[in-house]
Amino acid sequence: MLDILEKPAGAVIQSRGGLTVGDAIAMLRTFDPAALVLIAGEYGGLDEILGFRKTPVRLNVNDADGFGPHEVPSHGERADTVAVVVRTRE
């Protein structure tokens, strides 16, 4: 079993974005099903993932340092797609 699985950087650049749900499922199947799934904390450390949420998203609208490129639409704005967002402790 591999210790690290990720989508190659070239594939991310050529595609519309990062992992799809299908990519994540295929990758996660290679790990121990009892292993915790964690995400990097905002200022360090690791946080537990609580679940996933379908969320409308506008793509490639942020370019300021420290912000991800995608954003949840404001009231009345149209979403470009619906993404699956990782839920962590608020």
N, C-alpha and C. Protein backbone atom coordinates (compact mmCIF):
# COMPACT_ATOMS: atom_id res chain seq x y z
N MET A 1 0.85 -1.18 0.00
CA MET A 1 0.00 0.00 0.00
C MET A 1 0.89 1.24 0.00
N LEU A 2 0.53 2.22 -0.79
CA LEU A 2 1.28 3.47 -0.84
C LEU A 2 0.98 4.31 0.39
N ASP A 3 1.92 5.16 0.78
CA ASP A 3 1.71 6.06 1.90
C ASP A 3 1.08 7.38 1.45
N ILE A 4 1.34 7.79 0.22
CA ILE A 4 0.81 9.06 -0.29
C ILE A 4 0.17 8.82 -1.64
N LEU A 5 -1.02 9.31 -1.81
CA LEU A 5 -1.70 9.29 -3.11
C LEU A 5 -2.23 10.69 -3.38
N GLU A 6 -1.95 11.22 -4.54
CA GLU A 6 -2.51 12.51 -4.90
C GLU A 6 -2.56 12.61 -6.41
N LYS A 7 -3.41 13.48 -6.88
CA LYS A 7 -3.53 13.70 -8.31
C LYS A 7 -2.28 14.44 -8.79
N PRO A 8 -1.65 14.00 -9.88
CA PRO A 8 -0.46 14.68 -10.36
C PRO A 8 -0.75 16.15 -10.66
N ALA A 9 0.21 17.03 -10.37
CA ALA A 9 0.02 18.47 -10.57
C ALA A 9 -0.39 18.79 -12.00
N GLY A 10 0.21 18.13 -12.97
CA GLY A 10 -0.15 18.37 -14.36
C GLY A 10 -1.60 18.06 -14.65
N ALA A 11 -2.13 17.01 -14.04
CA ALA A 11 -3.53 16.65 -14.24
C ALA A 11 -4.45 17.70 -13.64
N VAL A 12 -4.05 18.28 -12.51
CA VAL A 12 -4.87 19.32 -11.88
C VAL A 12 -4.91 20.55 -12.77
N ILE A 13 -3.76 20.93 -13.33
CA ILE A 13 -3.69 22.12 -14.18
C ILE A 13 -4.51 21.92 -15.45
N GLN A 14 -4.44 20.74 -16.06
CA GLN A 14 -5.15 20.49 -17.31
C GLN A 14 -6.64 20.30 -17.11
N SER A 15 -7.04 19.83 -15.93
CA SER A 15 -8.45 19.61 -15.68
C SER A 15 -9.07 20.85 -15.08
N ARG A 16 -10.34 20.73 -14.68
CA ARG A 16 -11.06 21.87 -14.12
C ARG A 16 -10.64 22.15 -12.69
N GLY A 17 -9.97 21.23 -12.05
CA GLY A 17 -9.61 21.47 -10.66
C GLY A 17 -8.92 20.28 -10.05
N GLY A 18 -9.16 20.08 -8.76
CA GLY A 18 -8.52 19.01 -8.02
C GLY A 18 -9.24 17.70 -8.18
N LEU A 19 -9.33 16.98 -7.09
CA LEU A 19 -9.92 15.64 -7.10
C LEU A 19 -11.42 15.67 -7.36
N THR A 20 -11.91 14.64 -8.01
CA THR A 20 -13.34 14.41 -8.09
C THR A 20 -13.72 13.44 -6.98
N VAL A 21 -15.00 13.26 -6.73
CA VAL A 21 -15.45 12.28 -5.75
C VAL A 21 -14.96 10.89 -6.15
N GLY A 22 -15.02 10.58 -7.43
CA GLY A 22 -14.53 9.28 -7.91
C GLY A 22 -13.05 9.09 -7.64
N ASP A 23 -12.24 10.15 -7.85
CA ASP A 23 -10.81 10.08 -7.55
C ASP A 23 -10.60 9.77 -6.07
N ALA A 24 -11.31 10.50 -5.20
CA ALA A 24 -11.15 10.32 -3.75
C ALA A 24 -11.54 8.91 -3.32
N ILE A 25 -12.65 8.41 -3.83
CA ILE A 25 -13.10 7.06 -3.49
C ILE A 25 -12.04 6.04 -3.89
N ALA A 26 -11.53 6.15 -5.11
CA ALA A 26 -10.53 5.20 -5.59
C ALA A 26 -9.27 5.26 -4.74
N MET A 27 -8.84 6.45 -4.37
CA MET A 27 -7.63 6.60 -3.55
C MET A 27 -7.85 6.07 -2.14
N LEU A 28 -8.97 6.43 -1.54
CA LEU A 28 -9.23 6.02 -0.16
C LEU A 28 -9.39 4.51 -0.03
N ARG A 29 -9.81 3.84 -1.07
CA ARG A 29 -9.95 2.38 -1.03
C ARG A 29 -8.62 1.67 -0.81
N THR A 30 -7.51 2.36 -1.06
CA THR A 30 -6.20 1.73 -0.92
C THR A 30 -5.67 1.80 0.51
N PHE A 31 -6.36 2.53 1.41
CA PHE A 31 -5.91 2.70 2.79
C PHE A 31 -6.72 1.82 3.73
N ASP A 32 -6.20 1.63 4.93
CA ASP A 32 -6.88 0.89 5.98
C ASP A 32 -8.21 1.59 6.29
N PRO A 33 -9.35 0.89 6.20
CA PRO A 33 -10.64 1.54 6.43
C PRO A 33 -10.82 2.05 7.85
N ALA A 34 -9.99 1.62 8.80
CA ALA A 34 -10.10 2.09 10.18
C ALA A 34 -9.25 3.34 10.43
N ALA A 35 -8.44 3.76 9.44
CA ALA A 35 -7.57 4.93 9.62
C ALA A 35 -8.39 6.22 9.68
N LEU A 36 -7.97 7.16 10.54
CA LEU A 36 -8.60 8.47 10.60
C LEU A 36 -8.33 9.24 9.32
N VAL A 37 -9.26 10.10 8.93
CA VAL A 37 -9.06 11.03 7.82
C VAL A 37 -8.98 12.42 8.45
N LEU A 38 -7.84 13.09 8.25
CA LEU A 38 -7.59 14.39 8.86
C LEU A 38 -7.27 15.42 7.80
N ILE A 39 -7.37 16.68 8.17
CA ILE A 39 -7.05 17.78 7.28
C ILE A 39 -6.17 18.77 8.04
N ALA A 40 -5.27 19.45 7.34
CA ALA A 40 -4.38 20.40 7.99
C ALA A 40 -5.20 21.52 8.63
N GLY A 41 -4.85 21.89 9.86
CA GLY A 41 -5.50 23.00 10.54
C GLY A 41 -5.10 24.32 9.94
N GLU A 42 -5.88 25.35 10.18
CA GLU A 42 -5.62 26.66 9.59
C GLU A 42 -4.25 27.21 9.98
N TYR A 43 -3.85 27.04 11.24
CA TYR A 43 -2.58 27.59 11.69
C TYR A 43 -1.61 26.51 12.13
N GLY A 44 -1.85 25.27 11.74
CA GLY A 44 -0.98 24.17 12.11
C GLY A 44 -1.80 23.06 12.76
N GLY A 45 -1.17 21.96 13.03
CA GLY A 45 -1.88 20.83 13.61
C GLY A 45 -2.80 20.18 12.59
N LEU A 46 -3.58 19.22 13.06
CA LEU A 46 -4.49 18.48 12.19
C LEU A 46 -5.88 18.46 12.81
N ASP A 47 -6.91 18.56 11.98
CA ASP A 47 -8.31 18.51 12.42
C ASP A 47 -8.99 17.29 11.85
N GLU A 48 -9.99 16.79 12.57
CA GLU A 48 -10.81 15.69 12.07
C GLU A 48 -11.77 16.21 11.00
N ILE A 49 -12.07 15.36 10.05
CA ILE A 49 -13.11 15.64 9.06
C ILE A 49 -14.41 15.09 9.62
N LEU A 50 -15.43 15.94 9.69
CA LEU A 50 -16.72 15.52 10.24
C LEU A 50 -17.65 14.96 9.18
N GLY A 51 -17.43 15.31 7.94
CA GLY A 51 -18.30 14.83 6.87
C GLY A 51 -18.09 15.66 5.62
N PHE A 52 -19.07 15.60 4.75
CA PHE A 52 -19.01 16.29 3.46
C PHE A 52 -20.34 16.97 3.20
N ARG A 53 -20.33 18.06 2.45
CA ARG A 53 -21.55 18.81 2.17
C ARG A 53 -21.54 19.25 0.70
N LYS A 54 -22.65 19.05 0.01
CA LYS A 54 -22.80 19.58 -1.34
C LYS A 54 -23.00 21.09 -1.22
N THR A 55 -22.21 21.86 -1.97
CA THR A 55 -22.22 23.31 -1.85
C THR A 55 -22.13 23.95 -3.24
N PRO A 56 -23.00 24.91 -3.55
CA PRO A 56 -22.85 25.66 -4.80
C PRO A 56 -21.56 26.48 -4.74
N VAL A 57 -20.85 26.57 -5.87
CA VAL A 57 -19.54 27.23 -5.88
C VAL A 57 -19.38 28.05 -7.16
N ARG A 58 -18.78 29.22 -7.02
CA ARG A 58 -18.30 30.00 -8.17
C ARG A 58 -16.82 29.69 -8.32
N LEU A 59 -16.40 29.37 -9.52
CA LEU A 59 -15.02 28.94 -9.77
C LEU A 59 -14.12 30.11 -10.16
N ASN A 60 -12.89 30.06 -9.64
CA ASN A 60 -11.81 30.98 -10.04
C ASN A 60 -12.20 32.45 -9.93
N VAL A 61 -12.72 32.85 -8.76
CA VAL A 61 -13.13 34.24 -8.56
C VAL A 61 -12.25 34.99 -7.56
N ASN A 62 -11.39 34.29 -6.83
CA ASN A 62 -10.49 34.94 -5.86
C ASN A 62 -9.06 34.85 -6.35
N ASP A 63 -8.33 35.97 -6.23
CA ASP A 63 -6.90 35.92 -6.55
C ASP A 63 -6.06 36.59 -5.46
N ALA A 64 -6.68 36.96 -4.35
CA ALA A 64 -5.96 37.58 -3.24
C ALA A 64 -5.18 36.51 -2.46
N ASP A 65 -4.01 36.89 -1.96
CA ASP A 65 -3.21 35.98 -1.15
C ASP A 65 -4.00 35.50 0.06
N GLY A 66 -3.87 34.22 0.34
CA GLY A 66 -4.53 33.66 1.51
C GLY A 66 -5.95 33.18 1.27
N PHE A 67 -6.50 33.40 0.09
CA PHE A 67 -7.84 32.95 -0.24
C PHE A 67 -7.78 31.85 -1.28
N GLY A 68 -8.63 30.83 -1.12
CA GLY A 68 -8.76 29.83 -2.17
C GLY A 68 -9.37 30.47 -3.41
N PRO A 69 -9.14 29.90 -4.58
CA PRO A 69 -9.61 30.52 -5.81
C PRO A 69 -11.13 30.47 -6.00
N HIS A 70 -11.81 29.58 -5.30
CA HIS A 70 -13.25 29.40 -5.49
C HIS A 70 -14.01 29.98 -4.30
N GLU A 71 -15.31 30.27 -4.50
CA GLU A 71 -16.09 30.94 -3.46
C GLU A 71 -17.55 30.48 -3.50
N VAL A 72 -18.18 30.51 -2.35
CA VAL A 72 -19.62 30.28 -2.27
C VAL A 72 -20.30 31.54 -2.81
N PRO A 73 -21.28 31.42 -3.69
CA PRO A 73 -21.92 32.61 -4.25
C PRO A 73 -22.67 33.41 -3.18
N SER A 74 -22.66 34.72 -3.35
CA SER A 74 -23.47 35.58 -2.51
C SER A 74 -24.94 35.43 -2.91
N HIS A 75 -25.83 35.90 -2.06
CA HIS A 75 -27.26 35.81 -2.35
C HIS A 75 -27.56 36.44 -3.71
N GLY A 76 -28.22 35.71 -4.58
CA GLY A 76 -28.58 36.19 -5.90
C GLY A 76 -27.54 35.89 -6.97
N GLU A 77 -26.32 35.51 -6.60
CA GLU A 77 -25.31 35.16 -7.59
C GLU A 77 -25.50 33.72 -8.05
N ARG A 78 -25.16 33.46 -9.28
CA ARG A 78 -25.30 32.13 -9.85
C ARG A 78 -24.02 31.32 -9.62
N ALA A 79 -24.18 30.06 -9.23
CA ALA A 79 -23.04 29.15 -9.04
C ALA A 79 -22.59 28.59 -10.38
N ASP A 80 -21.31 28.28 -10.49
CA ASP A 80 -20.77 27.63 -11.68
C ASP A 80 -20.96 26.12 -11.62
N THR A 81 -20.95 25.58 -10.40
CA THR A 81 -21.05 24.14 -10.21
C THR A 81 -21.46 23.85 -8.78
N VAL A 82 -21.74 22.60 -8.51
CA VAL A 82 -21.97 22.14 -7.14
C VAL A 82 -20.79 21.24 -6.79
N ALA A 83 -20.12 21.55 -5.70
CA ALA A 83 -18.94 20.80 -5.26
C ALA A 83 -19.25 20.07 -3.96
N VAL A 84 -18.42 19.12 -3.63
CA VAL A 84 -18.50 18.43 -2.33
C VAL A 84 -17.40 19.06 -1.46
N VAL A 85 -17.81 19.68 -0.36
CA VAL A 85 -16.89 20.40 0.53
C VAL A 85 -16.69 19.60 1.81
N VAL A 86 -15.45 19.50 2.25
CA VAL A 86 -15.10 18.80 3.48
C VAL A 86 -15.60 19.62 4.67
N ARG A 87 -16.33 18.98 5.57
CA ARG A 87 -16.80 19.64 6.80
C ARG A 87 -15.83 19.33 7.93
N THR A 88 -15.40 20.38 8.63
CA THR A 88 -14.55 20.23 9.81
C THR A 88 -15.22 21.00 10.94
N ARG A 89 -14.60 20.96 12.12
CA ARG A 89 -15.12 21.76 13.23
C ARG A 89 -15.09 23.22 12.84
N GLU A 90 -16.12 23.94 13.18
CA GLU A 90 -16.22 25.37 12.82
C GLU A 90 -15.39 26.19 13.77
